[in-house]
């Protein structure tokens, strides 16, 4: 039995035919060049939401199809965490949800296993192509997370796809992927911290024999790209740039042109589009959440969130004060929640200050109990905040709003938070210039990913139970330590929102 991927075969179908069967179309020459490249390492750098993940996924489908001689294949789609692996979502859609596209010998393909549970880290697809010259030929596709490094050991991989590659530490590729994969794809938005990836681009350009190709996609590579947003940001960049040219504004060049730049830039894409004046009617019947970052001499921060029926998050109030002892901090939180007790779903504690969470539990607040290391992951939490603050192409507005009249200190912090000059690791603990306490509290909350249906169901017992089940799937946690104890005894004024 050969090692997976070491014997190259000829595809039964040409790549163009496979893409046509998938309904996948190419809208830019740069994307076509990416697909036509036979390099063993391909780096697709592109602006945010310009189709880099969408172009990588068809390569996974193509590599999974049977080859002559009939061989097995193993592909890993490695994300910074399981739930934000966009390439996996596309592959699942094309191979599982649209399974009728594919037949072999006039019969539907034989999918032996199809497991899609990102919350439990269980993402596996196994397709049986039948008996080949070396035994059963199976295409195995697995979703992986770089936060679970143990799962990245010990396998030889036909194709390694590192989702949003610039958000990964250099170690992930160097230690686990480089020596174990035959082909590799790196779809990414250029980031200041990804020097290892930029170095790979430069090495490939200097020495073609290394079989490293790099590509830069234009925004129109995605036919659904938000061109109105692009034009607005371009005008803003022209005003900010010392030359008057948008491409000379480093943030615009990176995020909207997909170019590799290094700069002392904004940490968050926070702006006027994220700011609203609070209408308390918006909070009626909405689930309420609290997230905290506690520091006595620095700042004690608590952020108060509401999950709106549209699925957007509203930061509707804040506590941002110095030199509060624990019991004062918790009392202030309780005062802010007065009148909303029955809507409180959970509190996200500071993973670095577990004693504060213990005090909150004793006070009756329902502190969510999740993996502290995962909760404190700066890279993943940062990326989720950026996604929430950016304009969602499906709705044409961001999914995170801030009541600027109630949260002035948070707005000021997020508007002025910058990277330090010369920063190469944007996720390092010393990478930022300015106060970052509200930023940290928001990161901790973003790691819990609350979500809701866009249309709220009628409040009856059956639908209440269904909503509870959906929340348990969409919010990853092991349980709440204090909630059950307090609700069983009837001593807590807070009831988890349904």
Protein backbone atom coordinates (compact mmCIF):
# COMPACT_ATOMS: atom_id res chain seq x y z
CA UNK A 1 0.00 0.00 0.00
CA UNK A 2 1.70 3.27 -1.08
CA UNK A 3 1.87 6.25 1.19
CA UNK A 4 -1.07 8.50 0.36
CA UNK A 5 -0.22 11.10 -2.24
CA UNK A 6 3.19 9.78 -3.24
CA UNK A 7 2.03 8.19 -6.49
CA UNK A 8 0.61 10.80 -8.81
CA UNK A 9 -2.11 9.70 -11.19
CA UNK A 10 -4.08 11.22 -14.01
CA UNK A 11 -7.52 12.51 -13.09
CA UNK A 12 -10.44 10.64 -14.63
CA UNK A 13 -12.00 14.03 -15.45
CA UNK A 14 -10.27 17.25 -16.50
CA UNK A 15 -10.38 19.98 -13.88
CA UNK A 16 -12.55 22.22 -16.06
CA UNK A 17 -15.11 19.43 -16.38
CA UNK A 18 -15.14 18.92 -12.61
CA UNK A 19 -15.68 22.63 -12.02
CA UNK A 20 -18.52 22.70 -14.53
CA UNK A 21 -20.19 19.76 -12.78
CA UNK A 22 -19.92 21.65 -9.48
CA UNK A 23 -21.39 24.83 -10.91
CA UNK A 24 -18.18 26.61 -9.96
CA UNK A 25 -17.27 29.63 -12.10
CA UNK A 26 -14.09 31.69 -12.37
CA UNK A 27 -14.43 35.48 -12.57
CA UNK A 28 -10.81 36.67 -12.65
CA UNK A 29 -7.70 35.71 -14.60
CA UNK A 30 -5.69 35.54 -11.39
CA UNK A 31 -8.02 32.85 -10.05
CA UNK A 32 -7.73 30.93 -13.31
CA UNK A 33 -3.94 31.08 -13.01
CA UNK A 34 -4.23 29.69 -9.48
CA UNK A 35 -6.24 26.68 -10.68
CA UNK A 36 -3.95 26.05 -13.65
CA UNK A 37 -0.80 26.06 -11.53
CA UNK A 38 0.76 22.66 -10.86
CA UNK A 39 3.03 23.96 -8.09
CA UNK A 40 3.16 21.88 -4.95
CA UNK A 41 2.64 25.00 -2.81
CA UNK A 42 0.14 27.67 -3.86
CA UNK A 43 -0.45 30.89 -1.92
CA UNK A 44 -3.60 32.83 -2.77
CA UNK A 45 -3.43 36.30 -1.17
CA UNK A 46 -6.60 38.31 -1.56
CA UNK A 47 -8.63 41.12 0.01
CA UNK A 48 -11.26 40.21 2.55
CA UNK A 49 -14.31 38.53 0.99
CA UNK A 50 -12.86 38.30 -2.51
CA UNK A 51 -13.27 34.54 -2.90
CA UNK A 52 -9.98 33.03 -1.71
CA UNK A 53 -11.68 30.31 0.37
CA UNK A 54 -14.24 29.79 -2.38
CA UNK A 55 -11.43 29.11 -4.88
CA UNK A 56 -9.49 26.77 -2.58
CA UNK A 57 -12.44 24.45 -1.92
CA UNK A 58 -12.83 23.25 -5.56
CA UNK A 59 -9.20 22.12 -5.44
CA UNK A 60 -10.12 19.90 -2.49
CA UNK A 61 -13.07 18.43 -4.39
CA UNK A 62 -10.91 17.84 -7.47
CA UNK A 63 -8.16 16.14 -5.46
CA UNK A 64 -10.76 13.91 -3.76
CA UNK A 65 -12.04 12.48 -7.04
CA UNK A 66 -10.64 9.13 -8.20
CA UNK A 67 -7.44 9.11 -10.22
CA UNK A 68 -5.80 6.54 -12.48
CA UNK A 69 -4.51 4.30 -11.09
CA UNK A 70 -7.35 4.24 -8.57
CA UNK A 71 -5.72 5.61 -5.40
CA UNK A 72 -6.79 6.87 -2.03
CA UNK A 73 -6.25 10.44 -0.85
CA UNK A 74 -6.15 12.24 2.48
CA UNK A 75 -6.77 15.97 2.73
CA UNK A 76 -6.66 18.20 5.79
CA UNK A 77 -8.43 21.54 5.94
CA UNK A 78 -6.67 23.28 8.83
CA UNK A 79 -8.40 26.32 10.33
CA UNK A 80 -7.48 28.45 13.31
CA UNK A 81 -10.48 26.79 14.92
CA UNK A 82 -13.09 24.28 13.78
CA UNK A 83 -16.10 26.56 13.47
CA UNK A 84 -14.60 29.19 11.13
CA UNK A 85 -13.18 26.79 8.53
CA UNK A 86 -14.82 28.26 5.42
CA UNK A 87 -13.24 25.82 2.98
CA UNK A 88 -14.83 22.92 4.86
CA UNK A 89 -18.27 24.49 4.52
CA UNK A 90 -17.91 24.76 0.75
CA UNK A 91 -16.58 21.21 0.37
CA UNK A 92 -19.43 19.86 2.50
CA UNK A 93 -21.96 21.68 0.32
CA UNK A 94 -20.52 20.35 -2.94
CA UNK A 95 -19.89 16.75 -1.90
CA UNK A 96 -22.62 16.07 0.67
CA UNK A 97 -25.50 18.49 0.28
CA UNK A 98 -25.23 18.31 -3.53
CA UNK A 99 -24.27 14.66 -3.67
CA UNK A 100 -26.53 14.07 -6.69
CA UNK A 101 -23.96 15.86 -8.85
CA UNK A 102 -21.61 12.90 -8.57
CA UNK A 103 -22.05 9.36 -9.87
CA UNK A 104 -19.68 6.46 -10.44
CA UNK A 105 -20.72 3.60 -12.68
CA UNK A 106 -24.16 5.17 -12.97
CA UNK A 107 -24.68 5.10 -9.18
CA UNK A 108 -24.39 7.83 -6.55
CA UNK A 109 -21.00 8.04 -4.88
CA UNK A 110 -20.65 5.91 -1.77
CA UNK A 111 -20.21 8.26 1.22
CA UNK A 112 -19.12 6.01 4.08
CA UNK A 113 -18.93 8.75 6.70
CA UNK A 114 -20.18 12.32 6.78
CA UNK A 115 -19.68 14.07 10.11
CA UNK A 116 -20.03 17.82 10.40
CA UNK A 117 -19.92 18.89 14.04
CA UNK A 118 -17.47 21.80 14.45
CA UNK A 119 -18.49 22.35 18.07
CA UNK A 120 -17.05 18.94 18.99
CA UNK A 121 -14.18 19.12 16.52
CA UNK A 122 -15.69 16.24 14.55
CA UNK A 123 -15.41 17.07 10.83
CA UNK A 124 -14.87 14.03 8.64
CA UNK A 125 -15.89 12.98 5.15
CA UNK A 126 -15.01 9.53 3.74
CA UNK A 127 -15.89 8.54 0.17
CA UNK A 128 -15.36 4.93 -1.02
CA UNK A 129 -14.34 4.78 -4.69
CA UNK A 130 -14.07 0.98 -4.78
CA UNK A 131 -11.21 -1.45 -5.16
CA UNK A 132 -8.03 -0.23 -6.82
CA UNK A 133 -4.63 -1.80 -7.51
CA UNK A 134 -3.56 -1.16 -3.92
CA UNK A 135 -6.76 -2.06 -2.09
CA UNK A 136 -9.79 0.06 -1.28
CA UNK A 137 -9.47 3.59 -2.62
CA UNK A 138 -10.98 6.15 -0.28
CA UNK A 139 -11.02 9.92 -0.34
CA UNK A 140 -10.72 11.19 3.25
CA UNK A 141 -11.26 14.87 4.01
CA UNK A 142 -10.88 16.12 7.57
CA UNK A 143 -11.47 19.51 9.17
CA UNK A 144 -8.69 20.35 11.62
CA UNK A 145 -7.89 23.14 14.06
CA UNK A 146 -4.41 24.54 14.71
CA UNK A 147 -5.41 25.04 18.36
CA UNK A 148 -5.53 21.25 18.69
CA UNK A 149 -1.97 20.45 17.66
CA UNK A 150 -2.11 16.83 18.81
CA UNK A 151 -4.52 16.09 15.98
CA UNK A 152 -1.97 17.35 13.42
CA UNK A 153 0.61 14.67 14.11
CA UNK A 154 1.54 11.41 12.47
CA UNK A 155 -0.16 11.42 9.04
CA UNK A 156 1.08 11.90 5.50
CA UNK A 157 -1.36 14.20 3.75
CA UNK A 158 -2.13 14.31 0.05
CA UNK A 159 -3.18 17.97 0.23
CA UNK A 160 -2.91 20.43 3.12
CA UNK A 161 -5.17 23.50 3.03
CA UNK A 162 -4.38 26.10 5.70
CA UNK A 163 -7.46 28.29 6.00
CA UNK A 164 -6.77 32.03 6.47
CA UNK A 165 -3.10 31.10 6.63
CA UNK A 166 -1.79 34.44 7.92
CA UNK A 167 -3.67 33.92 11.18
CA UNK A 168 -1.66 30.76 11.98
CA UNK A 169 1.64 30.62 13.78
CA UNK A 170 4.67 29.72 11.64
CA UNK A 171 5.07 26.56 13.73
CA UNK A 172 1.85 24.97 12.41
CA UNK A 173 3.15 24.67 8.85
CA UNK A 174 6.82 24.18 9.68
CA UNK A 175 6.26 21.46 12.27
CA UNK A 176 3.18 19.62 11.00
CA UNK A 177 2.50 20.42 7.35
CA UNK A 178 5.78 21.01 5.59
CA UNK A 179 7.24 17.51 5.87
CA UNK A 180 3.94 15.60 5.71
CA UNK A 181 2.08 16.95 2.69
CA UNK A 182 2.45 16.46 -1.04
CA UNK A 183 0.46 19.55 -2.04
CA UNK A 184 -0.42 22.62 0.02
CA UNK A 185 -2.74 25.60 -0.48
CA UNK A 186 -2.61 28.78 1.59
CA UNK A 187 -5.64 31.06 1.04
CA UNK A 188 -5.18 34.23 3.09
CA UNK A 189 -5.61 37.94 3.55
CA UNK A 190 -2.14 39.50 3.97
CA UNK A 191 -1.44 40.34 7.61
CA UNK A 192 1.45 42.17 9.31
CA UNK A 193 2.24 39.20 11.54
CA UNK A 194 2.55 36.60 8.78
CA UNK A 195 6.20 37.18 7.97
CA UNK A 196 6.72 33.44 7.46
CA UNK A 197 4.13 33.42 4.68
CA UNK A 198 5.55 36.54 3.03
CA UNK A 199 9.00 34.96 3.15
CA UNK A 200 7.60 31.89 1.38
CA UNK A 201 6.18 34.12 -1.36
CA UNK A 202 9.54 35.83 -1.84
CA UNK A 203 11.48 32.56 -1.88
CA UNK A 204 9.13 31.12 -4.50
CA UNK A 205 9.54 34.22 -6.69
CA UNK A 206 13.34 34.01 -6.51
CA UNK A 207 13.68 30.25 -7.11
CA UNK A 208 11.04 28.71 -9.38
CA UNK A 209 12.47 25.23 -8.84
CA UNK A 210 11.00 25.23 -5.32
CA UNK A 211 7.51 24.85 -6.85
CA UNK A 212 5.95 27.71 -4.85
CA UNK A 213 3.47 29.88 -6.75
CA UNK A 214 1.73 32.94 -5.31
CA UNK A 215 -1.31 34.81 -6.59
CA UNK A 216 -3.05 38.06 -5.67
CA UNK A 217 -6.78 38.17 -6.38
CA UNK A 218 -8.60 41.39 -7.25
CA UNK A 219 -11.86 42.18 -5.41
CA UNK A 220 -13.99 41.30 -8.44
CA UNK A 221 -12.83 37.68 -8.16
CA UNK A 222 -15.98 37.35 -6.06
CA UNK A 223 -19.03 38.31 -8.20
CA UNK A 224 -20.94 39.14 -4.99
CA UNK A 225 -18.24 41.48 -3.70
CA UNK A 226 -19.53 44.65 -2.06
CA UNK A 227 -18.24 47.22 -4.55
CA UNK A 228 -20.11 50.09 -2.87
CA UNK A 229 -18.16 49.41 0.33
CA UNK A 230 -14.94 49.25 -1.71
CA UNK A 231 -15.58 52.68 -3.22
CA UNK A 232 -16.40 54.20 0.16
CA UNK A 233 -13.25 52.81 1.73
CA UNK A 234 -11.22 53.93 -1.29
CA UNK A 235 -12.37 57.53 -0.83
CA UNK A 236 -11.55 57.34 2.85
CA UNK A 237 -8.08 55.94 2.05
CA UNK A 238 -7.44 58.75 -0.45
CA UNK A 239 -8.14 61.27 2.30
CA UNK A 240 -5.91 59.43 4.81
CA UNK A 241 -3.01 58.80 2.45
CA UNK A 242 -0.22 61.41 2.40
CA UNK A 243 0.01 61.04 -1.40
CA UNK A 244 -3.73 61.16 -2.00
CA UNK A 245 -3.59 57.68 -3.54
CA UNK A 246 -5.71 54.93 -1.96
CA UNK A 247 -3.08 52.25 -2.59
CA UNK A 248 -0.62 54.19 -0.41
CA UNK A 249 -2.90 53.83 2.62
CA UNK A 250 -1.58 50.61 4.20
CA UNK A 251 -4.87 49.46 5.72
CA UNK A 252 -6.70 49.85 2.41
CA UNK A 253 -3.86 48.20 0.49
CA UNK A 254 -3.97 45.17 2.76
CA UNK A 255 -7.68 44.71 3.39
CA UNK A 256 -9.10 45.86 0.03
CA UNK A 257 -6.29 45.26 -2.48
CA UNK A 258 -4.78 42.11 -0.95
CA UNK A 259 -1.24 43.48 -0.93
CA UNK A 260 1.50 42.59 1.55
CA UNK A 261 2.26 45.64 3.69
CA UNK A 262 3.69 46.22 7.15
CA UNK A 263 2.33 49.14 9.08
CA UNK A 264 1.33 50.63 12.38
CA UNK A 265 -2.36 50.35 11.65
CA UNK A 266 -5.78 50.08 13.19
CA UNK A 267 -6.46 46.94 15.19
CA UNK A 268 -10.22 46.91 14.55
CA UNK A 269 -12.32 48.06 11.57
CA UNK A 270 -14.52 50.03 13.97
CA UNK A 271 -16.23 53.14 12.65
CA UNK A 272 -19.42 55.15 12.40
CA UNK A 273 -21.23 52.31 10.67
CA UNK A 274 -20.97 50.37 13.94
CA UNK A 275 -22.35 53.18 16.14
CA UNK A 276 -26.00 53.74 17.07
CA UNK A 277 -28.02 55.63 19.67
CA UNK A 278 -29.65 53.23 22.12
CA UNK A 279 -33.38 52.64 21.98
CA UNK A 280 -34.26 50.60 25.06
CA UNK A 281 -37.18 49.03 23.17
CA UNK A 282 -34.56 47.06 21.23
CA UNK A 283 -33.69 45.14 24.40
CA UNK A 284 -37.20 43.83 24.99
CA UNK A 285 -37.20 40.00 25.10
CA UNK A 286 -33.63 39.84 23.73
CA UNK A 287 -31.10 37.48 25.35
CA UNK A 288 -28.64 39.50 27.43
CA UNK A 289 -24.94 38.66 27.92
CA UNK A 290 -22.08 40.15 29.90
CA UNK A 291 -18.35 39.86 29.24
CA UNK A 292 -15.55 40.98 31.56
CA UNK A 293 -11.91 41.95 31.69
CA UNK A 294 -10.83 42.56 35.28
CA UNK A 295 -7.80 44.54 36.37
CA UNK A 296 -7.65 46.56 39.55
CA UNK A 297 -4.98 49.12 38.63
CA UNK A 298 -5.56 49.04 34.85
CA UNK A 299 -9.34 48.96 34.40
CA UNK A 300 -12.32 46.86 35.38
CA UNK A 301 -14.42 46.42 32.25
CA UNK A 302 -17.80 44.77 31.83
CA UNK A 303 -19.60 44.89 28.49
CA UNK A 304 -23.36 44.33 28.27
CA UNK A 305 -24.57 42.69 25.05
CA UNK A 306 -27.95 41.97 23.49
CA UNK A 307 -28.56 39.42 20.74
CA UNK A 308 -31.01 41.12 18.38
CA UNK A 309 -33.65 39.16 16.41
CA UNK A 310 -31.64 39.79 13.21
CA UNK A 311 -28.69 37.89 14.69
CA UNK A 312 -26.63 41.09 15.14
CA UNK A 313 -24.96 41.89 18.47
CA UNK A 314 -25.60 45.17 20.26
CA UNK A 315 -23.20 46.43 22.92
CA UNK A 316 -25.72 48.49 24.89
CA UNK A 317 -23.84 49.46 28.05
CA UNK A 318 -20.43 49.35 29.73
CA UNK A 319 -18.57 49.53 33.02
CA UNK A 320 -15.07 50.93 32.49
CA UNK A 321 -13.50 52.05 35.77
CA UNK A 322 -10.25 51.72 37.69
CA UNK A 323 -9.52 50.49 41.19
CA UNK A 324 -12.63 48.49 41.95
CA UNK A 325 -12.32 45.49 44.22
CA UNK A 326 -14.11 42.32 43.17
CA UNK A 327 -17.32 42.72 45.15
CA UNK A 328 -17.72 46.34 43.94
CA UNK A 329 -17.26 45.23 40.36
CA UNK A 330 -19.88 42.47 40.66
CA UNK A 331 -22.33 44.81 42.44
CA UNK A 332 -22.04 47.32 39.60
CA UNK A 333 -22.79 44.56 37.10
CA UNK A 334 -25.88 43.60 39.05
CA UNK A 335 -27.02 47.23 39.10
CA UNK A 336 -26.68 47.49 35.33
CA UNK A 337 -28.75 44.32 34.90
CA UNK A 338 -31.62 45.57 37.08
CA UNK A 339 -34.84 45.02 35.20
CA UNK A 340 -33.26 42.53 32.78
CA UNK A 341 -32.63 39.64 35.20
CA UNK A 342 -34.98 37.24 33.42
CA UNK A 343 -33.24 37.87 30.11
CA UNK A 344 -29.68 37.17 31.24
CA UNK A 345 -28.30 34.17 29.39
CA UNK A 346 -24.75 33.99 30.74
CA UNK A 347 -21.70 35.96 31.80
CA UNK A 348 -18.32 35.48 30.13
CA UNK A 349 -15.62 35.78 32.77
CA UNK A 350 -12.01 36.87 32.42
CA UNK A 351 -10.07 33.62 31.77
CA UNK A 352 -7.03 35.12 33.48
CA UNK A 353 -8.97 36.06 36.64
CA UNK A 354 -10.90 32.91 37.67
CA UNK A 355 -11.45 34.26 41.20
CA UNK A 356 -13.75 36.94 39.75
CA UNK A 357 -15.83 34.27 38.01
CA UNK A 358 -16.09 32.36 41.29
CA UNK A 359 -17.40 35.47 43.05
CA UNK A 360 -19.95 36.04 40.27
CA UNK A 361 -21.16 32.48 40.58
CA UNK A 362 -21.63 32.93 44.31
CA UNK A 363 -23.59 36.11 43.59
CA UNK A 364 -25.95 34.16 41.34
CA UNK A 365 -24.63 35.28 37.94
CA UNK A 366 -24.44 32.43 35.46
CA UNK A 367 -20.78 32.32 34.42
CA UNK A 368 -20.19 30.26 31.30
CA UNK A 369 -17.59 27.53 31.81
CA UNK A 370 -15.51 27.08 28.66
CA UNK A 371 -11.94 26.12 27.87
CA UNK A 372 -9.88 29.01 29.27
CA UNK A 373 -7.02 28.58 26.81
CA UNK A 374 -9.37 28.63 23.82
CA UNK A 375 -11.26 31.61 25.25
CA UNK A 376 -8.03 33.62 25.57
CA UNK A 377 -6.85 32.81 22.02
CA UNK A 378 -5.96 36.30 20.74
CA UNK A 379 -5.79 35.39 17.05
CA UNK A 380 -9.18 33.68 16.80
CA UNK A 381 -10.97 36.20 19.04
CA UNK A 382 -9.51 39.12 17.10
CA UNK A 383 -10.57 37.65 13.77
CA UNK A 384 -14.12 37.05 14.97
CA UNK A 385 -14.41 40.66 16.13
CA UNK A 386 -13.11 41.89 12.77
CA UNK A 387 -15.68 39.74 10.96
CA UNK A 388 -18.50 41.01 13.17
CA UNK A 389 -17.51 44.67 12.75
CA UNK A 390 -17.04 44.40 8.98
CA UNK A 391 -19.96 44.70 6.59
CA UNK A 392 -21.67 41.35 6.08
CA UNK A 393 -22.21 40.87 2.30
CA UNK A 394 -25.48 39.03 2.95
CA UNK A 395 -27.03 41.91 4.90
CA UNK A 396 -24.94 44.88 3.69
CA UNK A 397 -24.35 45.97 7.30
CA UNK A 398 -22.06 44.86 10.14
CA UNK A 399 -23.19 42.31 12.71
CA UNK A 400 -21.87 44.25 15.72
CA UNK A 401 -23.22 47.61 16.85
CA UNK A 402 -22.30 49.80 19.82
CA UNK A 403 -24.57 52.26 21.63
CA UNK A 404 -22.12 55.14 21.50
CA UNK A 405 -24.13 57.23 23.97
CA UNK A 406 -23.84 54.46 26.61
CA UNK A 407 -20.35 53.14 25.77
CA UNK A 408 -18.12 56.20 25.22
CA UNK A 409 -14.97 54.66 26.68
CA UNK A 410 -15.26 51.52 24.57
CA UNK A 411 -15.77 53.63 21.43
CA UNK A 412 -12.75 55.77 22.27
CA UNK A 413 -10.59 52.70 22.92
CA UNK A 414 -11.55 50.92 19.71
CA UNK A 415 -11.12 54.08 17.61
CA UNK A 416 -7.58 54.67 18.88
CA UNK A 417 -6.21 51.15 19.36
CA UNK A 418 -3.15 50.72 17.11
CA UNK A 419 -0.29 48.32 16.51
CA UNK A 420 3.09 49.40 17.84
CA UNK A 421 5.63 50.49 15.27
CA UNK A 422 7.70 47.58 14.01
CA UNK A 423 5.18 44.97 15.18
CA UNK A 424 5.67 41.66 13.37
CA UNK A 425 3.34 39.54 15.50
CA UNK A 426 -0.02 41.30 15.60
CA UNK A 427 -1.35 38.78 18.15
CA UNK A 428 1.46 39.17 20.66
CA UNK A 429 0.59 40.43 24.14
CA UNK A 430 2.79 43.52 23.61
CA UNK A 431 1.76 44.24 20.01
CA UNK A 432 -0.79 46.97 20.74
CA UNK A 433 -0.46 50.67 21.49
CA UNK A 434 -3.09 52.04 23.88
CA UNK A 435 -5.67 50.64 26.26
CA UNK A 436 -7.11 47.26 25.22
CA UNK A 437 -9.35 46.23 28.14
CA UNK A 438 -12.66 46.57 26.31
CA UNK A 439 -11.05 44.86 23.31
CA UNK A 440 -10.11 41.89 25.52
CA UNK A 441 -13.59 41.68 27.07
CA UNK A 442 -15.14 41.68 23.58
CA UNK A 443 -12.71 38.97 22.42
CA UNK A 444 -13.70 36.72 25.31
CA UNK A 445 -17.37 37.17 24.42
CA UNK A 446 -16.79 36.60 20.69
CA UNK A 447 -15.32 33.18 21.49
CA UNK A 448 -18.75 32.00 22.73
CA UNK A 449 -20.47 32.86 19.39
CA UNK A 450 -24.12 33.39 20.44
CA UNK A 451 -26.51 33.22 17.49
CA UNK A 452 -30.21 33.28 16.77
CA UNK A 453 -32.60 32.65 13.92
CA UNK A 454 -33.41 35.79 11.95
CA UNK A 455 -37.11 35.35 12.64
CA UNK A 456 -38.01 34.83 16.28
CA UNK A 457 -40.47 31.96 16.80
CA UNK A 458 -43.62 32.33 18.83
CA UNK A 459 -42.93 31.75 22.52
CA UNK A 460 -44.53 28.41 23.29
CA UNK A 461 -43.06 25.45 25.18
CA UNK A 462 -42.21 23.33 22.13
CA UNK A 463 -40.42 26.12 20.33
CA UNK A 464 -38.73 27.23 23.54
CA UNK A 465 -37.17 23.77 23.79
CA UNK A 466 -36.07 23.87 20.15
CA UNK A 467 -34.40 27.22 20.67
CA UNK A 468 -32.59 25.85 23.69
CA UNK A 469 -31.26 22.97 21.60
CA UNK A 470 -30.06 25.34 18.89
CA UNK A 471 -28.26 27.45 21.45
CA UNK A 472 -26.51 24.41 22.87
CA UNK A 473 -25.20 23.62 19.40
CA UNK A 474 -24.14 27.15 18.51
CA UNK A 475 -22.53 28.09 21.83
CA UNK A 476 -19.66 25.80 22.73
CA UNK A 477 -19.32 25.21 26.44
CA UNK A 478 -19.19 22.36 28.88
CA UNK A 479 -21.80 23.77 31.21
CA UNK A 480 -22.28 26.58 33.69
CA UNK A 481 -20.97 25.88 37.15
CA UNK A 482 -23.12 28.25 39.13
CA UNK A 483 -26.29 28.36 37.06
CA UNK A 484 -27.65 24.94 37.85
CA UNK A 485 -26.93 25.25 41.56
CA UNK A 486 -28.63 28.63 41.90
CA UNK A 487 -31.62 27.84 39.70
CA UNK A 488 -32.27 24.54 41.48
CA UNK A 489 -32.42 26.28 44.82
CA UNK A 490 -34.44 29.19 43.46
CA UNK A 491 -32.03 31.71 44.99
CA UNK A 492 -30.80 33.34 41.80
CA UNK A 493 -32.65 36.34 40.37
CA UNK A 494 -31.12 35.57 36.99
CA UNK A 495 -32.77 33.14 34.58
CA UNK A 496 -30.99 32.00 31.47
CA UNK A 497 -32.74 33.58 28.47
CA UNK A 498 -34.48 31.16 26.16
